[in-house]
Amino acid sequence: MTHKQTLSITLDASLKEEVQDILKSRGLSMSEAIRLFFQQIQQHQDLPFALPHPPNATTRQALADAEAGEGEVFETVTELYRDLGLR
């Protein structure tokens, strides 16, 4: 006999409602969908989909600079390409 356990998660209310409606239209409950997700993780021994790679240190610094209003600004794509040595 399989021993069952309860899983409790915290979600944004609007996310929960929207996902619940989508699942309902597919004939699935939240519990069934989560069970399917866990079974896929078990089968793949990983997530069943690719996650985007987190930005590296150079990209993180460039994003921080841009948010701070620092860094180079180009008026046109052509200027950017020229600066990058692409044209």
PDB file of N, CA and C in Angstrom:
ATOM      1  N   MET A   1       0.838  -1.190   0.000  1.00  0.00           N
ATOM      2  CA  MET A   1       0.000   0.000   0.000  1.00  0.00           C
ATOM      3  C   MET A   1       0.875   1.243   0.000  1.00  0.00           C
ATOM      4  N   THR A   2       0.560   2.187  -0.857  1.00  0.00           N
ATOM      5  CA  THR A   2       1.315   3.428  -0.968  1.00  0.00           C
ATOM      6  C   THR A   2       0.853   4.408   0.089  1.00  0.00           C
ATOM      7  N   HIS A   3       1.823   4.951   0.794  1.00  0.00           N
ATOM      8  CA  HIS A   3       1.516   5.969   1.793  1.00  0.00           C
ATOM      9  C   HIS A   3       1.471   7.324   1.088  1.00  0.00           C
ATOM     10  N   LYS A   4       0.382   8.043   1.223  1.00  0.00           N
ATOM     11  CA  LYS A   4       0.225   9.344   0.562  1.00  0.00           C
ATOM     12  C   LYS A   4       0.522  10.455   1.546  1.00  0.00           C
ATOM     13  N   GLN A   5       1.065  11.549   1.002  1.00  0.00           N
ATOM     14  CA  GLN A   5       1.359  12.730   1.799  1.00  0.00           C
ATOM     15  C   GLN A   5       0.720  13.940   1.141  1.00  0.00           C
ATOM     16  N   THR A   6       0.513  14.955   1.941  1.00  0.00           N
ATOM     17  CA  THR A   6      -0.071  16.199   1.446  1.00  0.00           C
ATOM     18  C   THR A   6       1.040  17.206   1.191  1.00  0.00           C
ATOM     19  N   LEU A   7       0.906  17.927   0.084  1.00  0.00           N
ATOM     20  CA  LEU A   7       1.849  18.975  -0.278  1.00  0.00           C
ATOM     21  C   LEU A   7       1.100  20.296  -0.209  1.00  0.00           C
ATOM     22  N   SER A   8       1.687  21.262   0.461  1.00  0.00           N
ATOM     23  CA  SER A   8       1.078  22.590   0.566  1.00  0.00           C
ATOM     24  C   SER A   8       1.999  23.592  -0.100  1.00  0.00           C
ATOM     25  N   ILE A   9       1.451  24.407  -1.003  1.00  0.00           N
ATOM     26  CA  ILE A   9       2.249  25.420  -1.688  1.00  0.00           C
ATOM     27  C   ILE A   9       1.543  26.769  -1.592  1.00  0.00           C
ATOM     28  N   THR A  10       2.324  27.817  -1.722  1.00  0.00           N
ATOM     29  CA  THR A  10       1.781  29.172  -1.710  1.00  0.00           C
ATOM     30  C   THR A  10       1.901  29.746  -3.115  1.00  0.00           C
ATOM     31  N   LEU A  11       0.789  30.234  -3.638  1.00  0.00           N
ATOM     32  CA  LEU A  11       0.742  30.795  -4.989  1.00  0.00           C
ATOM     33  C   LEU A  11       0.035  32.135  -4.975  1.00  0.00           C
ATOM     34  N   ASP A  12       0.357  32.951  -5.954  1.00  0.00           N
ATOM     35  CA  ASP A  12      -0.390  34.166  -6.190  1.00  0.00           C
ATOM     36  C   ASP A  12      -1.820  33.750  -6.559  1.00  0.00           C
ATOM     37  N   ALA A  13      -2.802  34.382  -5.979  1.00  0.00           N
ATOM     38  CA  ALA A  13      -4.204  33.996  -6.187  1.00  0.00           C
ATOM     39  C   ALA A  13      -4.612  34.023  -7.653  1.00  0.00           C
ATOM     40  N   SER A  14      -4.178  35.055  -8.376  1.00  0.00           N
ATOM     41  CA  SER A  14      -4.592  35.148  -9.781  1.00  0.00           C
ATOM     42  C   SER A  14      -3.940  34.040 -10.617  1.00  0.00           C
ATOM     43  N   LEU A  15      -2.700  33.688 -10.302  1.00  0.00           N
ATOM     44  CA  LEU A  15      -2.036  32.586 -11.000  1.00  0.00           C
ATOM     45  C   LEU A  15      -2.786  31.287 -10.750  1.00  0.00           C
ATOM     46  N   LYS A  16      -3.115  31.031  -9.496  1.00  0.00           N
ATOM     47  CA  LYS A  16      -3.836  29.806  -9.139  1.00  0.00           C
ATOM     48  C   LYS A  16      -5.161  29.713  -9.890  1.00  0.00           C
ATOM     49  N   GLU A  17      -5.924  30.794  -9.891  1.00  0.00           N
ATOM     50  CA  GLU A  17      -7.233  30.777 -10.545  1.00  0.00           C
ATOM     51  C   GLU A  17      -7.114  30.555 -12.046  1.00  0.00           C
ATOM     52  N   GLU A  18      -6.149  31.243 -12.678  1.00  0.00           N
ATOM     53  CA  GLU A  18      -5.987  31.102 -14.121  1.00  0.00           C
ATOM     54  C   GLU A  18      -5.558  29.680 -14.486  1.00  0.00           C
ATOM     55  N   VAL A  19      -4.594  29.156 -13.740  1.00  0.00           N
ATOM     56  CA  VAL A  19      -4.121  27.796 -14.019  1.00  0.00           C
ATOM     57  C   VAL A  19      -5.229  26.782 -13.740  1.00  0.00           C
ATOM     58  N   GLN A  20      -5.965  26.988 -12.682  1.00  0.00           N
ATOM     59  CA  GLN A  20      -7.065  26.084 -12.343  1.00  0.00           C
ATOM     60  C   GLN A  20      -8.092  26.045 -13.473  1.00  0.00           C
ATOM     61  N   ASP A  21      -8.411  27.197 -14.057  1.00  0.00           N
ATOM     62  CA  ASP A  21      -9.353  27.248 -15.176  1.00  0.00           C
ATOM     63  C   ASP A  21      -8.803  26.504 -16.394  1.00  0.00           C
ATOM     64  N   ILE A  22      -7.510  26.694 -16.667  1.00  0.00           N
ATOM     65  CA  ILE A  22      -6.888  26.004 -17.803  1.00  0.00           C
ATOM     66  C   ILE A  22      -6.930  24.493 -17.591  1.00  0.00           C
ATOM     67  N   LEU A  23      -6.551  24.070 -16.391  1.00  0.00           N
ATOM     68  CA  LEU A  23      -6.555  22.632 -16.097  1.00  0.00           C
ATOM     69  C   LEU A  23      -7.962  22.053 -16.168  1.00  0.00           C
ATOM     70  N   LYS A  24      -8.926  22.802 -15.654  1.00  0.00           N
ATOM     71  CA  LYS A  24     -10.318  22.340 -15.684  1.00  0.00           C
ATOM     72  C   LYS A  24     -10.766  22.115 -17.125  1.00  0.00           C
ATOM     73  N   SER A  25     -10.357  23.017 -18.023  1.00  0.00           N
ATOM     74  CA  SER A  25     -10.739  22.868 -19.430  1.00  0.00           C
ATOM     75  C   SER A  25     -10.109  21.622 -20.055  1.00  0.00           C
ATOM     76  N   ARG A  26      -9.034  21.137 -19.445  1.00  0.00           N
ATOM     77  CA  ARG A  26      -8.367  19.918 -19.912  1.00  0.00           C
ATOM     78  C   ARG A  26      -8.816  18.684 -19.134  1.00  0.00           C
ATOM     79  N   GLY A  27      -9.751  18.883 -18.198  1.00  0.00           N
ATOM     80  CA  GLY A  27     -10.271  17.765 -17.414  1.00  0.00           C
ATOM     81  C   GLY A  27      -9.350  17.329 -16.286  1.00  0.00           C
ATOM     82  N   LEU A  28      -8.501  18.244 -15.826  1.00  0.00           N
ATOM     83  CA  LEU A  28      -7.564  17.911 -14.753  1.00  0.00           C
ATOM     84  C   LEU A  28      -7.795  18.781 -13.528  1.00  0.00           C
ATOM     85  N   SER A  29      -7.572  18.194 -12.378  1.00  0.00           N
ATOM     86  CA  SER A  29      -7.578  18.971 -11.141  1.00  0.00           C
ATOM     87  C   SER A  29      -6.153  19.456 -10.889  1.00  0.00           C
ATOM     88  N   MET A  30      -6.006  20.361  -9.945  1.00  0.00           N
ATOM     89  CA  MET A  30      -4.673  20.835  -9.575  1.00  0.00           C
ATOM     90  C   MET A  30      -3.832  19.660  -9.075  1.00  0.00           C
ATOM     91  N   SER A  31      -4.415  18.819  -8.246  1.00  0.00           N
ATOM     92  CA  SER A  31      -3.677  17.667  -7.707  1.00  0.00           C
ATOM     93  C   SER A  31      -3.219  16.729  -8.815  1.00  0.00           C
ATOM     94  N   GLU A  32      -4.093  16.465  -9.783  1.00  0.00           N
ATOM     95  CA  GLU A  32      -3.714  15.580 -10.892  1.00  0.00           C
ATOM     96  C   GLU A  32      -2.583  16.184 -11.720  1.00  0.00           C
ATOM     97  N   ALA A  33      -2.649  17.485 -11.975  1.00  0.00           N
ATOM     98  CA  ALA A  33      -1.616  18.151 -12.761  1.00  0.00           C
ATOM     99  C   ALA A  33      -0.274  18.116 -12.031  1.00  0.00           C
ATOM    100  N   ILE A  34      -0.290  18.370 -10.752  1.00  0.00           N
ATOM    101  CA  ILE A  34       0.952  18.337  -9.973  1.00  0.00           C
ATOM    102  C   ILE A  34       1.499  16.914  -9.913  1.00  0.00           C
ATOM    103  N   ARG A  35       0.624  15.936  -9.770  1.00  0.00           N
ATOM    104  CA  ARG A  35       1.051  14.537  -9.776  1.00  0.00           C
ATOM    105  C   ARG A  35       1.704  14.184 -11.112  1.00  0.00           C
ATOM    106  N   LEU A  36       1.110  14.626 -12.220  1.00  0.00           N
ATOM    107  CA  LEU A  36       1.698  14.390 -13.541  1.00  0.00           C
ATOM    108  C   LEU A  36       3.063  15.058 -13.663  1.00  0.00           C
ATOM    109  N   PHE A  37       3.170  16.269 -13.155  1.00  0.00           N
ATOM    110  CA  PHE A  37       4.426  16.995 -13.192  1.00  0.00           C
ATOM    111  C   PHE A  37       5.501  16.230 -12.418  1.00  0.00           C
ATOM    112  N   PHE A  38       5.181  15.777 -11.229  1.00  0.00           N
ATOM    113  CA  PHE A  38       6.134  15.015 -10.414  1.00  0.00           C
ATOM    114  C   PHE A  38       6.523  13.714 -11.109  1.00  0.00           C
ATOM    115  N   GLN A  39       5.570  13.049 -11.748  1.00  0.00           N
ATOM    116  CA  GLN A  39       5.880  11.807 -12.457  1.00  0.00           C
ATOM    117  C   GLN A  39       6.833  12.066 -13.623  1.00  0.00           C
ATOM    118  N   GLN A  40       6.664  13.200 -14.294  1.00  0.00           N
ATOM    119  CA  GLN A  40       7.567  13.553 -15.388  1.00  0.00           C
ATOM    120  C   GLN A  40       8.977  13.836 -14.859  1.00  0.00           C
ATOM    121  N   ILE A  41       9.081  14.507 -13.739  1.00  0.00           N
ATOM    122  CA  ILE A  41      10.384  14.758 -13.123  1.00  0.00           C
ATOM    123  C   ILE A  41      11.047  13.426 -12.782  1.00  0.00           C
ATOM    124  N   GLN A  42      10.262  12.524 -12.204  1.00  0.00           N
ATOM    125  CA  GLN A  42      10.788  11.205 -11.848  1.00  0.00           C
ATOM    126  C   GLN A  42      11.249  10.447 -13.094  1.00  0.00           C
ATOM    127  N   GLN A  43      10.446  10.461 -14.134  1.00  0.00           N
ATOM    128  CA  GLN A  43      10.773   9.743 -15.365  1.00  0.00           C
ATOM    129  C   GLN A  43      12.022  10.308 -16.031  1.00  0.00           C
ATOM    130  N   HIS A  44      12.137  11.627 -16.092  1.00  0.00           N
ATOM    131  CA  HIS A  44      13.265  12.280 -16.758  1.00  0.00           C
ATOM    132  C   HIS A  44      14.494  12.415 -15.849  1.00  0.00           C
ATOM    133  N   GLN A  45      14.264  12.239 -14.540  1.00  0.00           N
ATOM    134  CA  GLN A  45      15.302  12.515 -13.549  1.00  0.00           C
ATOM    135  C   GLN A  45      15.798  13.957 -13.672  1.00  0.00           C
ATOM    136  N   ASP A  46      14.890  14.804 -14.057  1.00  0.00           N
ATOM    137  CA  ASP A  46      15.166  16.228 -14.257  1.00  0.00           C
ATOM    138  C   ASP A  46      13.831  16.901 -14.546  1.00  0.00           C
ATOM    139  N   LEU A  47      13.853  18.205 -14.678  1.00  0.00           N
ATOM    140  CA  LEU A  47      12.640  18.896 -15.098  1.00  0.00           C
ATOM    141  C   LEU A  47      12.297  18.488 -16.525  1.00  0.00           C
ATOM    142  N   PRO A  48      11.022  18.359 -16.839  1.00  0.00           N
ATOM    143  CA  PRO A  48      10.634  17.919 -18.186  1.00  0.00           C
ATOM    144  C   PRO A  48      10.645  19.043 -19.228  1.00  0.00           C
ATOM    145  N   PHE A  49      11.323  20.130 -18.930  1.00  0.00           N
ATOM    146  CA  PHE A  49      11.434  21.249 -19.860  1.00  0.00           C
ATOM    147  C   PHE A  49      12.722  21.995 -19.538  1.00  0.00           C
ATOM    148  N   ALA A  50      13.203  22.749 -20.502  1.00  0.00           N
ATOM    149  CA  ALA A  50      14.445  23.497 -20.320  1.00  0.00           C
ATOM    150  C   ALA A  50      14.180  24.792 -19.570  1.00  0.00           C
ATOM    151  N   LEU A  51      15.077  25.132 -18.688  1.00  0.00           N
ATOM    152  CA  LEU A  51      15.026  26.421 -18.009  1.00  0.00           C
ATOM    153  C   LEU A  51      16.042  27.344 -18.660  1.00  0.00           C
ATOM    154  N   PRO A  52      15.708  28.624 -18.773  1.00  0.00           N
ATOM    155  CA  PRO A  52      16.707  29.535 -19.326  1.00  0.00           C
ATOM    156  C   PRO A  52      17.897  29.601 -18.371  1.00  0.00           C
ATOM    157  N   HIS A  53      19.087  29.707 -18.934  1.00  0.00           N
ATOM    158  CA  HIS A  53      20.275  29.812 -18.105  1.00  0.00           C
ATOM    159  C   HIS A  53      20.299  31.181 -17.434  1.00  0.00           C
ATOM    160  N   PRO A  54      20.699  31.229 -16.170  1.00  0.00           N
ATOM    161  CA  PRO A  54      20.796  32.541 -15.527  1.00  0.00           C
ATOM    162  C   PRO A  54      21.894  33.361 -16.204  1.00  0.00           C
ATOM    163  N   PRO A  55      21.740  34.657 -16.216  1.00  0.00           N
ATOM    164  CA  PRO A  55      22.758  35.488 -16.866  1.00  0.00           C
ATOM    165  C   PRO A  55      24.106  35.356 -16.153  1.00  0.00           C
ATOM    166  N   ASN A  56      25.187  35.417 -16.938  1.00  0.00           N
ATOM    167  CA  ASN A  56      26.520  35.345 -16.350  1.00  0.00           C
ATOM    168  C   ASN A  56      26.875  36.702 -15.727  1.00  0.00           C
ATOM    169  N   ALA A  57      28.052  36.778 -15.106  1.00  0.00           N
ATOM    170  CA  ALA A  57      28.458  37.990 -14.385  1.00  0.00           C
ATOM    171  C   ALA A  57      28.520  39.204 -15.305  1.00  0.00           C
ATOM    172  N   THR A  58      29.003  39.021 -16.526  1.00  0.00           N
ATOM    173  CA  THR A  58      29.104  40.138 -17.472  1.00  0.00           C
ATOM    174  C   THR A  58      27.717  40.677 -17.818  1.00  0.00           C
ATOM    175  N   THR A  59      26.784  39.775 -18.078  1.00  0.00           N
ATOM    176  CA  THR A  59      25.423  40.189 -18.419  1.00  0.00           C
ATOM    177  C   THR A  59      24.742  40.846 -17.224  1.00  0.00           C
ATOM    178  N   ARG A  60      24.926  40.274 -16.031  1.00  0.00           N
ATOM    179  CA  ARG A  60      24.340  40.876 -14.817  1.00  0.00           C
ATOM    180  C   ARG A  60      24.853  42.301 -14.625  1.00  0.00           C
ATOM    181  N   GLN A  61      26.165  42.502 -14.849  1.00  0.00           N
ATOM    182  CA  GLN A  61      26.736  43.841 -14.702  1.00  0.00           C
ATOM    183  C   GLN A  61      26.173  44.790 -15.754  1.00  0.00           C
ATOM    184  N   ALA A  62      26.043  44.323 -16.983  1.00  0.00           N
ATOM    185  CA  ALA A  62      25.480  45.157 -18.055  1.00  0.00           C
ATOM    186  C   ALA A  62      24.043  45.541 -17.732  1.00  0.00           C
ATOM    187  N   LEU A  63      23.258  44.598 -17.197  1.00  0.00           N
ATOM    188  CA  LEU A  63      21.872  44.903 -16.821  1.00  0.00           C
ATOM    189  C   LEU A  63      21.826  45.923 -15.692  1.00  0.00           C
ATOM    190  N   ALA A  64      22.703  45.748 -14.708  1.00  0.00           N
ATOM    191  CA  ALA A  64      22.752  46.699 -13.585  1.00  0.00           C
ATOM    192  C   ALA A  64      23.151  48.086 -14.083  1.00  0.00           C
ATOM    193  N   ASP A  65      24.130  48.138 -14.988  1.00  0.00           N
ATOM    194  CA  ASP A  65      24.546  49.423 -15.551  1.00  0.00           C
ATOM    195  C   ASP A  65      23.399  50.089 -16.305  1.00  0.00           C
ATOM    196  N   ALA A  66      22.687  49.317 -17.097  1.00  0.00           N
ATOM    197  CA  ALA A  66      21.572  49.861 -17.875  1.00  0.00           C
ATOM    198  C   ALA A  66      20.475  50.396 -16.952  1.00  0.00           C
ATOM    199  N   GLU A  67      20.174  49.643 -15.889  1.00  0.00           N
ATOM    200  CA  GLU A  67      19.147  50.088 -14.945  1.00  0.00           C
ATOM    201  C   GLU A  67      19.570  51.371 -14.226  1.00  0.00           C
ATOM    202  N   ALA A  68      20.881  51.539 -14.047  1.00  0.00           N
ATOM    203  CA  ALA A  68      21.401  52.735 -13.386  1.00  0.00           C
ATOM    204  C   ALA A  68      21.587  53.893 -14.355  1.00  0.00           C
ATOM    205  N   GLY A  69      21.251  53.664 -15.620  1.00  0.00           N
ATOM    206  CA  GLY A  69      21.393  54.717 -16.622  1.00  0.00           C
ATOM    207  C   GLY A  69      22.817  54.885 -17.109  1.00  0.00           C
ATOM    208  N   GLU A  70      23.639  53.879 -16.860  1.00  0.00           N
ATOM    209  CA  GLU A  70      25.039  53.925 -17.282  1.00  0.00           C
ATOM    210  C   GLU A  70      25.219  53.062 -18.524  1.00  0.00           C
ATOM    211  N   GLY A  71      26.406  53.131 -19.085  1.00  0.00           N
ATOM    212  CA  GLY A  71      26.694  52.312 -20.255  1.00  0.00           C
ATOM    213  C   GLY A  71      26.523  53.106 -21.532  1.00  0.00           C
ATOM    214  N   GLU A  72      26.846  52.477 -22.622  1.00  0.00           N
ATOM    215  CA  GLU A  72      26.790  53.146 -23.924  1.00  0.00           C
ATOM    216  C   GLU A  72      25.365  53.167 -24.466  1.00  0.00           C
ATOM    217  N   VAL A  73      25.065  54.244 -25.169  1.00  0.00           N
ATOM    218  CA  VAL A  73      23.763  54.396 -25.809  1.00  0.00           C
ATOM    219  C   VAL A  73      24.011  54.634 -27.294  1.00  0.00           C
ATOM    220  N   PHE A  74      23.267  53.956 -28.118  1.00  0.00           N
ATOM    221  CA  PHE A  74      23.409  54.090 -29.561  1.00  0.00           C
ATOM    222  C   PHE A  74      22.103  54.610 -30.134  1.00  0.00           C
ATOM    223  N   GLU A  75      22.217  55.515 -31.067  1.00  0.00           N
ATOM    224  CA  GLU A  75      21.039  56.105 -31.699  1.00  0.00           C
ATOM    225  C   GLU A  75      20.408  55.150 -32.709  1.00  0.00           C
ATOM    226  N   THR A  76      21.242  54.316 -33.331  1.00  0.00           N
ATOM    227  CA  THR A  76      20.736  53.400 -34.346  1.00  0.00           C
ATOM    228  C   THR A  76      21.385  52.026 -34.174  1.00  0.00           C
ATOM    229  N   VAL A  77      20.757  51.046 -34.745  1.00  0.00           N
ATOM    230  CA  VAL A  77      21.317  49.697 -34.737  1.00  0.00           C
ATOM    231  C   VAL A  77      22.627  49.675 -35.502  1.00  0.00           C
ATOM    232  N   THR A  78      22.700  50.464 -36.576  1.00  0.00           N
ATOM    233  CA  THR A  78      23.931  50.544 -37.371  1.00  0.00           C
ATOM    234  C   THR A  78      25.100  51.007 -36.508  1.00  0.00           C
ATOM    235  N   GLU A  79      24.873  52.012 -35.658  1.00  0.00           N
ATOM    236  CA  GLU A  79      25.932  52.478 -34.759  1.00  0.00           C
ATOM    237  C   GLU A  79      26.360  51.377 -33.793  1.00  0.00           C
ATOM    238  N   LEU A  80      25.393  50.647 -33.264  1.00  0.00           N
ATOM    239  CA  LEU A  80      25.695  49.537 -32.366  1.00  0.00           C
ATOM    240  C   LEU A  80      26.526  48.485 -33.080  1.00  0.00           C
ATOM    241  N   TYR A  81      26.098  48.090 -34.271  1.00  0.00           N
ATOM    242  CA  TYR A  81      26.836  47.089 -35.050  1.00  0.00           C
ATOM    243  C   TYR A  81      28.255  47.570 -35.338  1.00  0.00           C
ATOM    244  N   ARG A  82      28.396  48.832 -35.690  1.00  0.00           N
ATOM    245  CA  ARG A  82      29.721  49.393 -35.989  1.00  0.00           C
ATOM    246  C   ARG A  82      30.606  49.298 -34.746  1.00  0.00           C
ATOM    247  N   ASP A  83      30.049  49.654 -33.585  1.00  0.00           N
ATOM    248  CA  ASP A  83      30.800  49.607 -32.332  1.00  0.00           C
ATOM    249  C   ASP A  83      31.233  48.170 -32.008  1.00  0.00           C
ATOM    250  N   LEU A  84      30.393  47.218 -32.355  1.00  0.00           N
ATOM    251  CA  LEU A  84      30.700  45.814 -32.100  1.00  0.00           C
ATOM    252  C   LEU A  84      31.607  45.213 -33.172  1.00  0.00           C
ATOM    253  N   GLY A  85      31.895  45.993 -34.183  1.00  0.00           N
ATOM    254  CA  GLY A  85      32.759  45.511 -35.271  1.00  0.00           C
ATOM    255  C   GLY A  85      32.039  44.583 -36.222  1.00  0.00           C
ATOM    256  N   LEU A  86      30.732  44.723 -36.290  1.00  0.00           N
ATOM    257  CA  LEU A  86      29.934  43.840 -37.169  1.00  0.00           C
ATOM    258  C   LEU A  86      29.671  44.460 -38.519  1.00  0.00           C
ATOM    259  N   ARG A  87      29.965  45.740 -38.704  1.00  0.00           N
ATOM    260  CA  ARG A  87      29.766  46.393 -40.000  1.00  0.00           C
ATOM    261  C   ARG A  87      30.849  47.380 -40.234  1.00  0.00           C
TER     262      ARG A  87
END
